[in-house]
Amino acid sequence: MSTTVRQTVAQIWSEVLGTPIDEESDFFLLGGHSLLATQMVARLETALGVKVSMREVLDHAEFGEFADLVAQRLDTAPQTA
């Protein structure tokens, strides 16, 4: 997994939640809610060009799992010239 992708996801989570993030951080246990999840998803799309659904945020609430999902999504995205 790209370290840059992981760092970008961690930075976005940290900014949205207002707290440092580690591999086991849980978005919702750190105070995340639907409005913050919407902000986080929008920032991810702007920063990395990856789309993540709200269902996927709910299903991958732990940072490590979520970062893996984003990296996997980027790895399988069609390449543009």
PDB file of N, CA and C in Angstrom:
ATOM      1  N   MET A   1       0.847  -1.187   0.000  1.00  0.00           N
ATOM      2  CA  MET A   1       0.000   0.000   0.000  1.00  0.00           C
ATOM      3  C   MET A   1       0.884   1.239   0.000  1.00  0.00           C
ATOM      4  N   SER A   2       0.449   2.203  -0.718  1.00  0.00           N
ATOM      5  CA  SER A   2       1.192   3.448  -0.795  1.00  0.00           C
ATOM      6  C   SER A   2       1.154   4.176   0.542  1.00  0.00           C
ATOM      7  N   THR A   3       2.353   4.539   1.015  1.00  0.00           N
ATOM      8  CA  THR A   3       2.439   5.290   2.262  1.00  0.00           C
ATOM      9  C   THR A   3       1.797   6.661   2.101  1.00  0.00           C
ATOM     10  N   THR A   4       1.948   7.240   0.910  1.00  0.00           N
ATOM     11  CA  THR A   4       1.359   8.549   0.663  1.00  0.00           C
ATOM     12  C   THR A   4      -0.161   8.500   0.773  1.00  0.00           C
ATOM     13  N   VAL A   5      -0.773   7.453   0.240  1.00  0.00           N
ATOM     14  CA  VAL A   5      -2.230   7.311   0.329  1.00  0.00           C
ATOM     15  C   VAL A   5      -2.636   7.191   1.789  1.00  0.00           C
ATOM     16  N   ARG A   6      -1.939   6.353   2.524  1.00  0.00           N
ATOM     17  CA  ARG A   6      -2.268   6.146   3.942  1.00  0.00           C
ATOM     18  C   ARG A   6      -2.115   7.457   4.731  1.00  0.00           C
ATOM     19  N   GLN A   7      -1.052   8.186   4.445  1.00  0.00           N
ATOM     20  CA  GLN A   7      -0.830   9.456   5.143  1.00  0.00           C
ATOM     21  C   GLN A   7      -1.921  10.473   4.786  1.00  0.00           C
ATOM     22  N   THR A   8      -2.331  10.475   3.532  1.00  0.00           N
ATOM     23  CA  THR A   8      -3.389  11.406   3.117  1.00  0.00           C
ATOM     24  C   THR A   8      -4.697  11.067   3.815  1.00  0.00           C
ATOM     25  N   VAL A   9      -5.030   9.788   3.870  1.00  0.00           N
ATOM     26  CA  VAL A   9      -6.267   9.377   4.547  1.00  0.00           C
ATOM     27  C   VAL A   9      -6.186   9.732   6.037  1.00  0.00           C
ATOM     28  N   ALA A  10      -5.053   9.479   6.663  1.00  0.00           N
ATOM     29  CA  ALA A  10      -4.879   9.799   8.095  1.00  0.00           C
ATOM     30  C   ALA A  10      -5.006  11.299   8.339  1.00  0.00           C
ATOM     31  N   GLN A  11      -4.435  12.094   7.448  1.00  0.00           N
ATOM     32  CA  GLN A  11      -4.518  13.549   7.614  1.00  0.00           C
ATOM     33  C   GLN A  11      -5.968  14.018   7.519  1.00  0.00           C
ATOM     34  N   ILE A  12      -6.706  13.470   6.559  1.00  0.00           N
ATOM     35  CA  ILE A  12      -8.108  13.866   6.399  1.00  0.00           C
ATOM     36  C   ILE A  12      -8.916  13.446   7.625  1.00  0.00           C
ATOM     37  N   TRP A  13      -8.735  12.224   8.078  1.00  0.00           N
ATOM     38  CA  TRP A  13      -9.454  11.778   9.281  1.00  0.00           C
ATOM     39  C   TRP A  13      -9.114  12.683  10.466  1.00  0.00           C
ATOM     40  N   SER A  14      -7.825  12.989  10.635  1.00  0.00           N
ATOM     41  CA  SER A  14      -7.386  13.800  11.766  1.00  0.00           C
ATOM     42  C   SER A  14      -7.999  15.195  11.710  1.00  0.00           C
ATOM     43  N   GLU A  15      -8.020  15.785  10.520  1.00  0.00           N
ATOM     44  CA  GLU A  15      -8.590  17.125  10.375  1.00  0.00           C
ATOM     45  C   GLU A  15     -10.099  17.120  10.639  1.00  0.00           C
ATOM     46  N   VAL A  16     -10.784  16.127  10.119  1.00  0.00           N
ATOM     47  CA  VAL A  16     -12.242  16.066  10.274  1.00  0.00           C
ATOM     48  C   VAL A  16     -12.619  15.777  11.730  1.00  0.00           C
ATOM     49  N   LEU A  17     -11.867  14.870  12.364  1.00  0.00           N
ATOM     50  CA  LEU A  17     -12.203  14.471  13.735  1.00  0.00           C
ATOM     51  C   LEU A  17     -11.539  15.353  14.791  1.00  0.00           C
ATOM     52  N   GLY A  18     -10.495  16.103  14.402  1.00  0.00           N
ATOM     53  CA  GLY A  18      -9.818  16.989  15.340  1.00  0.00           C
ATOM     54  C   GLY A  18      -8.993  16.257  16.379  1.00  0.00           C
ATOM     55  N   THR A  19      -8.432  15.100  15.986  1.00  0.00           N
ATOM     56  CA  THR A  19      -7.626  14.314  16.913  1.00  0.00           C
ATOM     57  C   THR A  19      -6.620  13.480  16.120  1.00  0.00           C
ATOM     58  N   PRO A  20      -5.480  13.126  16.727  1.00  0.00           N
ATOM     59  CA  PRO A  20      -4.535  12.241  16.031  1.00  0.00           C
ATOM     60  C   PRO A  20      -5.173  10.875  15.746  1.00  0.00           C
ATOM     61  N   ILE A  21      -4.676  10.210  14.701  1.00  0.00           N
ATOM     62  CA  ILE A  21      -5.217   8.932  14.250  1.00  0.00           C
ATOM     63  C   ILE A  21      -4.132   7.866  14.324  1.00  0.00           C
ATOM     64  N   ASP A  22      -4.504   6.637  14.726  1.00  0.00           N
ATOM     65  CA  ASP A  22      -3.594   5.499  14.600  1.00  0.00           C
ATOM     66  C   ASP A  22      -4.320   4.372  13.874  1.00  0.00           C
ATOM     67  N   GLU A  23      -3.631   3.282  13.654  1.00  0.00           N
ATOM     68  CA  GLU A  23      -4.178   2.177  12.850  1.00  0.00           C
ATOM     69  C   GLU A  23      -5.493   1.630  13.401  1.00  0.00           C
ATOM     70  N   GLU A  24      -5.685   1.691  14.697  1.00  0.00           N
ATOM     71  CA  GLU A  24      -6.874   1.105  15.308  1.00  0.00           C
ATOM     72  C   GLU A  24      -7.944   2.134  15.646  1.00  0.00           C
ATOM     73  N   SER A  25      -7.728   3.367  15.237  1.00  0.00           N
ATOM     74  CA  SER A  25      -8.726   4.408  15.509  1.00  0.00           C
ATOM     75  C   SER A  25     -10.039   4.059  14.819  1.00  0.00           C
ATOM     76  N   ASP A  26     -11.124   4.249  15.540  1.00  0.00           N
ATOM     77  CA  ASP A  26     -12.461   3.990  15.004  1.00  0.00           C
ATOM     78  C   ASP A  26     -13.141   5.341  14.762  1.00  0.00           C
ATOM     79  N   PHE A  27     -13.563   5.561  13.546  1.00  0.00           N
ATOM     80  CA  PHE A  27     -14.132   6.850  13.162  1.00  0.00           C
ATOM     81  C   PHE A  27     -15.247   7.275  14.101  1.00  0.00           C
ATOM     82  N   PHE A  28     -16.129   6.379  14.417  1.00  0.00           N
ATOM     83  CA  PHE A  28     -17.308   6.744  15.207  1.00  0.00           C
ATOM     84  C   PHE A  28     -17.011   6.821  16.708  1.00  0.00           C
ATOM     85  N   LEU A  29     -16.063   6.017  17.179  1.00  0.00           N
ATOM     86  CA  LEU A  29     -15.682   6.104  18.594  1.00  0.00           C
ATOM     87  C   LEU A  29     -14.902   7.386  18.897  1.00  0.00           C
ATOM     88  N   LEU A  30     -14.321   7.989  17.849  1.00  0.00           N
ATOM     89  CA  LEU A  30     -13.597   9.253  18.029  1.00  0.00           C
ATOM     90  C   LEU A  30     -14.507  10.458  17.843  1.00  0.00           C
ATOM     91  N   GLY A  31     -15.799  10.227  17.794  1.00  0.00           N
ATOM     92  CA  GLY A  31     -16.744  11.334  17.689  1.00  0.00           C
ATOM     93  C   GLY A  31     -17.286  11.565  16.296  1.00  0.00           C
ATOM     94  N   GLY A  32     -16.909  10.709  15.351  1.00  0.00           N
ATOM     95  CA  GLY A  32     -17.425  10.850  13.993  1.00  0.00           C
ATOM     96  C   GLY A  32     -18.924  10.588  13.939  1.00  0.00           C
ATOM     97  N   HIS A  33     -19.588  11.297  13.060  1.00  0.00           N
ATOM     98  CA  HIS A  33     -21.026  11.087  12.820  1.00  0.00           C
ATOM     99  C   HIS A  33     -21.271  11.305  11.337  1.00  0.00           C
ATOM    100  N   SER A  34     -22.519  11.213  10.931  1.00  0.00           N
ATOM    101  CA  SER A  34     -22.827  11.210   9.501  1.00  0.00           C
ATOM    102  C   SER A  34     -22.357  12.484   8.780  1.00  0.00           C
ATOM    103  N   LEU A  35     -22.489  13.639   9.418  1.00  0.00           N
ATOM    104  CA  LEU A  35     -22.053  14.871   8.754  1.00  0.00           C
ATOM    105  C   LEU A  35     -20.528  14.905   8.592  1.00  0.00           C
ATOM    106  N   LEU A  36     -19.810  14.453   9.618  1.00  0.00           N
ATOM    107  CA  LEU A  36     -18.349  14.398   9.510  1.00  0.00           C
ATOM    108  C   LEU A  36     -17.916  13.343   8.497  1.00  0.00           C
ATOM    109  N   ALA A  37     -18.645  12.236   8.440  1.00  0.00           N
ATOM    110  CA  ALA A  37     -18.337  11.205   7.439  1.00  0.00           C
ATOM    111  C   ALA A  37     -18.533  11.752   6.036  1.00  0.00           C
ATOM    112  N   THR A  38     -19.563  12.546   5.835  1.00  0.00           N
ATOM    113  CA  THR A  38     -19.807  13.167   4.532  1.00  0.00           C
ATOM    114  C   THR A  38     -18.666  14.106   4.168  1.00  0.00           C
ATOM    115  N   GLN A  39     -18.187  14.887   5.128  1.00  0.00           N
ATOM    116  CA  GLN A  39     -17.047  15.772   4.884  1.00  0.00           C
ATOM    117  C   GLN A  39     -15.792  14.965   4.535  1.00  0.00           C
ATOM    118  N   MET A  40     -15.568  13.895   5.283  1.00  0.00           N
ATOM    119  CA  MET A  40     -14.387  13.069   5.070  1.00  0.00           C
ATOM    120  C   MET A  40     -14.416  12.447   3.679  1.00  0.00           C
ATOM    121  N   VAL A  41     -15.560  11.922   3.268  1.00  0.00           N
ATOM    122  CA  VAL A  41     -15.697  11.308   1.942  1.00  0.00           C
ATOM    123  C   VAL A  41     -15.454  12.350   0.844  1.00  0.00           C
ATOM    124  N   ALA A  42     -15.991  13.545   1.016  1.00  0.00           N
ATOM    125  CA  ALA A  42     -15.800  14.611   0.020  1.00  0.00           C
ATOM    126  C   ALA A  42     -14.329  15.011  -0.072  1.00  0.00           C
ATOM    127  N   ARG A  43     -13.657  15.104   1.066  1.00  0.00           N
ATOM    128  CA  ARG A  43     -12.237  15.468   1.053  1.00  0.00           C
ATOM    129  C   ARG A  43     -11.388  14.383   0.401  1.00  0.00           C
ATOM    130  N   LEU A  44     -11.745  13.129   0.648  1.00  0.00           N
ATOM    131  CA  LEU A  44     -11.025  12.026   0.003  1.00  0.00           C
ATOM    132  C   LEU A  44     -11.161  12.097  -1.504  1.00  0.00           C
ATOM    133  N   GLU A  45     -12.360  12.366  -1.967  1.00  0.00           N
ATOM    134  CA  GLU A  45     -12.586  12.438  -3.409  1.00  0.00           C
ATOM    135  C   GLU A  45     -11.790  13.594  -4.017  1.00  0.00           C
ATOM    136  N   THR A  46     -11.741  14.712  -3.325  1.00  0.00           N
ATOM    137  CA  THR A  46     -10.970  15.854  -3.817  1.00  0.00           C
ATOM    138  C   THR A  46      -9.472  15.557  -3.811  1.00  0.00           C
ATOM    139  N   ALA A  47      -8.980  14.968  -2.740  1.00  0.00           N
ATOM    140  CA  ALA A  47      -7.536  14.745  -2.584  1.00  0.00           C
ATOM    141  C   ALA A  47      -7.011  13.591  -3.432  1.00  0.00           C
ATOM    142  N   LEU A  48      -7.790  12.504  -3.500  1.00  0.00           N
ATOM    143  CA  LEU A  48      -7.281  11.295  -4.149  1.00  0.00           C
ATOM    144  C   LEU A  48      -8.093  10.876  -5.374  1.00  0.00           C
ATOM    145  N   GLY A  49      -9.236  11.488  -5.574  1.00  0.00           N
ATOM    146  CA  GLY A  49     -10.076  11.112  -6.712  1.00  0.00           C
ATOM    147  C   GLY A  49     -10.758   9.772  -6.532  1.00  0.00           C
ATOM    148  N   VAL A  50     -10.899   9.333  -5.294  1.00  0.00           N
ATOM    149  CA  VAL A  50     -11.540   8.048  -5.023  1.00  0.00           C
ATOM    150  C   VAL A  50     -12.903   8.278  -4.384  1.00  0.00           C
ATOM    151  N   LYS A  51     -13.873   7.493  -4.835  1.00  0.00           N
ATOM    152  CA  LYS A  51     -15.218   7.595  -4.279  1.00  0.00           C
ATOM    153  C   LYS A  51     -15.438   6.469  -3.274  1.00  0.00           C
ATOM    154  N   VAL A  52     -15.958   6.838  -2.106  1.00  0.00           N
ATOM    155  CA  VAL A  52     -16.282   5.879  -1.049  1.00  0.00           C
ATOM    156  C   VAL A  52     -17.704   6.173  -0.613  1.00  0.00           C
ATOM    157  N   SER A  53     -18.509   5.130  -0.487  1.00  0.00           N
ATOM    158  CA  SER A  53     -19.903   5.326  -0.083  1.00  0.00           C
ATOM    159  C   SER A  53     -20.017   5.442   1.442  1.00  0.00           C
ATOM    160  N   MET A  54     -21.120   5.988   1.870  1.00  0.00           N
ATOM    161  CA  MET A  54     -21.366   6.071   3.317  1.00  0.00           C
ATOM    162  C   MET A  54     -21.464   4.666   3.918  1.00  0.00           C
ATOM    163  N   ARG A  55     -22.014   3.723   3.154  1.00  0.00           N
ATOM    164  CA  ARG A  55     -22.108   2.330   3.631  1.00  0.00           C
ATOM    165  C   ARG A  55     -20.709   1.785   3.908  1.00  0.00           C
ATOM    166  N   GLU A  56     -19.754   2.113   3.031  1.00  0.00           N
ATOM    167  CA  GLU A  56     -18.379   1.636   3.210  1.00  0.00           C
ATOM    168  C   GLU A  56     -17.726   2.285   4.430  1.00  0.00           C
ATOM    169  N   VAL A  57     -18.072   3.529   4.716  1.00  0.00           N
ATOM    170  CA  VAL A  57     -17.549   4.167   5.932  1.00  0.00           C
ATOM    171  C   VAL A  57     -18.073   3.415   7.155  1.00  0.00           C
ATOM    172  N   LEU A  58     -19.338   3.076   7.140  1.00  0.00           N
ATOM    173  CA  LEU A  58     -19.924   2.331   8.258  1.00  0.00           C
ATOM    174  C   LEU A  58     -19.292   0.947   8.400  1.00  0.00           C
ATOM    175  N   ASP A  59     -19.049   0.294   7.257  1.00  0.00           N
ATOM    176  CA  ASP A  59     -18.504  -1.069   7.270  1.00  0.00           C
ATOM    177  C   ASP A  59     -17.008  -1.115   7.559  1.00  0.00           C
ATOM    178  N   HIS A  60     -16.303   0.003   7.375  1.00  0.00           N
ATOM    179  CA  HIS A  60     -14.845   0.061   7.578  1.00  0.00           C
ATOM    180  C   HIS A  60     -14.526   1.225   8.502  1.00  0.00           C
ATOM    181  N   ALA A  61     -15.095   1.218   9.682  1.00  0.00           N
ATOM    182  CA  ALA A  61     -14.960   2.345  10.613  1.00  0.00           C
ATOM    183  C   ALA A  61     -13.568   2.433  11.234  1.00  0.00           C
ATOM    184  N   GLU A  62     -12.822   1.321  11.251  1.00  0.00           N
ATOM    185  CA  GLU A  62     -11.467   1.339  11.797  1.00  0.00           C
ATOM    186  C   GLU A  62     -10.510   1.892  10.746  1.00  0.00           C
ATOM    187  N   PHE A  63      -9.609   2.785  11.157  1.00  0.00           N
ATOM    188  CA  PHE A  63      -8.739   3.466  10.203  1.00  0.00           C
ATOM    189  C   PHE A  63      -7.982   2.515   9.292  1.00  0.00           C
ATOM    190  N   GLY A  64      -7.351   1.496   9.843  1.00  0.00           N
ATOM    191  CA  GLY A  64      -6.548   0.584   9.026  1.00  0.00           C
ATOM    192  C   GLY A  64      -7.365  -0.075   7.936  1.00  0.00           C
ATOM    193  N   GLU A  65      -8.555  -0.531   8.283  1.00  0.00           N
ATOM    194  CA  GLU A  65      -9.434  -1.160   7.290  1.00  0.00           C
ATOM    195  C   GLU A  65      -9.864  -0.144   6.236  1.00  0.00           C
ATOM    196  N   PHE A  66     -10.181   1.056   6.676  1.00  0.00           N
ATOM    197  CA  PHE A  66     -10.641   2.083   5.742  1.00  0.00           C
ATOM    198  C   PHE A  66      -9.512   2.495   4.788  1.00  0.00           C
ATOM    199  N   ALA A  67      -8.308   2.675   5.322  1.00  0.00           N
ATOM    200  CA  ALA A  67      -7.168   3.053   4.485  1.00  0.00           C
ATOM    201  C   ALA A  67      -6.864   1.952   3.468  1.00  0.00           C
ATOM    202  N   ASP A  68      -6.989   0.693   3.882  1.00  0.00           N
ATOM    203  CA  ASP A  68      -6.794  -0.426   2.946  1.00  0.00           C
ATOM    204  C   ASP A  68      -7.835  -0.376   1.830  1.00  0.00           C
ATOM    205  N   LEU A  69      -9.084  -0.074   2.183  1.00  0.00           N
ATOM    206  CA  LEU A  69     -10.152   0.036   1.182  1.00  0.00           C
ATOM    207  C   LEU A  69      -9.828   1.128   0.164  1.00  0.00           C
ATOM    208  N   VAL A  70      -9.402   2.282   0.641  1.00  0.00           N
ATOM    209  CA  VAL A  70      -9.075   3.393  -0.257  1.00  0.00           C
ATOM    210  C   VAL A  70      -7.904   3.012  -1.168  1.00  0.00           C
ATOM    211  N   ALA A  71      -6.873   2.404  -0.608  1.00  0.00           N
ATOM    212  CA  ALA A  71      -5.709   2.004  -1.409  1.00  0.00           C
ATOM    213  C   ALA A  71      -6.108   0.968  -2.454  1.00  0.00           C
ATOM    214  N   GLN A  72      -6.935   0.016  -2.051  1.00  0.00           N
ATOM    215  CA  GLN A  72      -7.400  -1.010  -2.991  1.00  0.00           C
ATOM    216  C   GLN A  72      -8.205  -0.369  -4.110  1.00  0.00           C
ATOM    217  N   ARG A  73      -9.041   0.569  -3.775  1.00  0.00           N
ATOM    218  CA  ARG A  73      -9.864   1.264  -4.762  1.00  0.00           C
ATOM    219  C   ARG A  73      -8.973   2.002  -5.758  1.00  0.00           C
ATOM    220  N   LEU A  74      -7.909   2.637  -5.263  1.00  0.00           N
ATOM    221  CA  LEU A  74      -6.980   3.358  -6.143  1.00  0.00           C
ATOM    222  C   LEU A  74      -6.189   2.402  -7.024  1.00  0.00           C
ATOM    223  N   ASP A  75      -5.817   1.241  -6.457  1.00  0.00           N
ATOM    224  CA  ASP A  75      -5.048   0.258  -7.234  1.00  0.00           C
ATOM    225  C   ASP A  75      -5.855  -0.322  -8.382  1.00  0.00           C
ATOM    226  N   THR A  76      -7.170  -0.414  -8.215  1.00  0.00           N
ATOM    227  CA  THR A  76      -8.007  -1.022  -9.253  1.00  0.00           C
ATOM    228  C   THR A  76      -8.676   0.016 -10.144  1.00  0.00           C
ATOM    229  N   ALA A  77      -8.443   1.304  -9.871  1.00  0.00           N
ATOM    230  CA  ALA A  77      -9.051   2.351 -10.689  1.00  0.00           C
ATOM    231  C   ALA A  77      -8.417   2.360 -12.076  1.00  0.00           C
ATOM    232  N   PRO A  78      -9.213   2.611 -13.102  1.00  0.00           N
ATOM    233  CA  PRO A  78      -8.653   2.691 -14.447  1.00  0.00           C
ATOM    234  C   PRO A  78      -7.652   3.841 -14.536  1.00  0.00           C
ATOM    235  N   GLN A  79      -6.567   3.593 -15.228  1.00  0.00           N
ATOM    236  CA  GLN A  79      -5.536   4.616 -15.407  1.00  0.00           C
ATOM    237  C   GLN A  79      -5.940   5.554 -16.533  1.00  0.00           C
ATOM    238  N   THR A  80      -5.756   6.832 -16.316  1.00  0.00           N
ATOM    239  CA  THR A  80      -6.029   7.813 -17.360  1.00  0.00           C
ATOM    240  C   THR A  80      -4.708   8.319 -17.920  1.00  0.00           C
ATOM    241  N   ALA A  81      -4.690   8.608 -19.191  1.00  0.00           N
ATOM    242  CA  ALA A  81      -3.450   9.046 -19.832  1.00  0.00           C
ATOM    243  C   ALA A  81      -3.241  10.516 -19.688  1.00  0.00           C
TER     244      ALA A  81
END
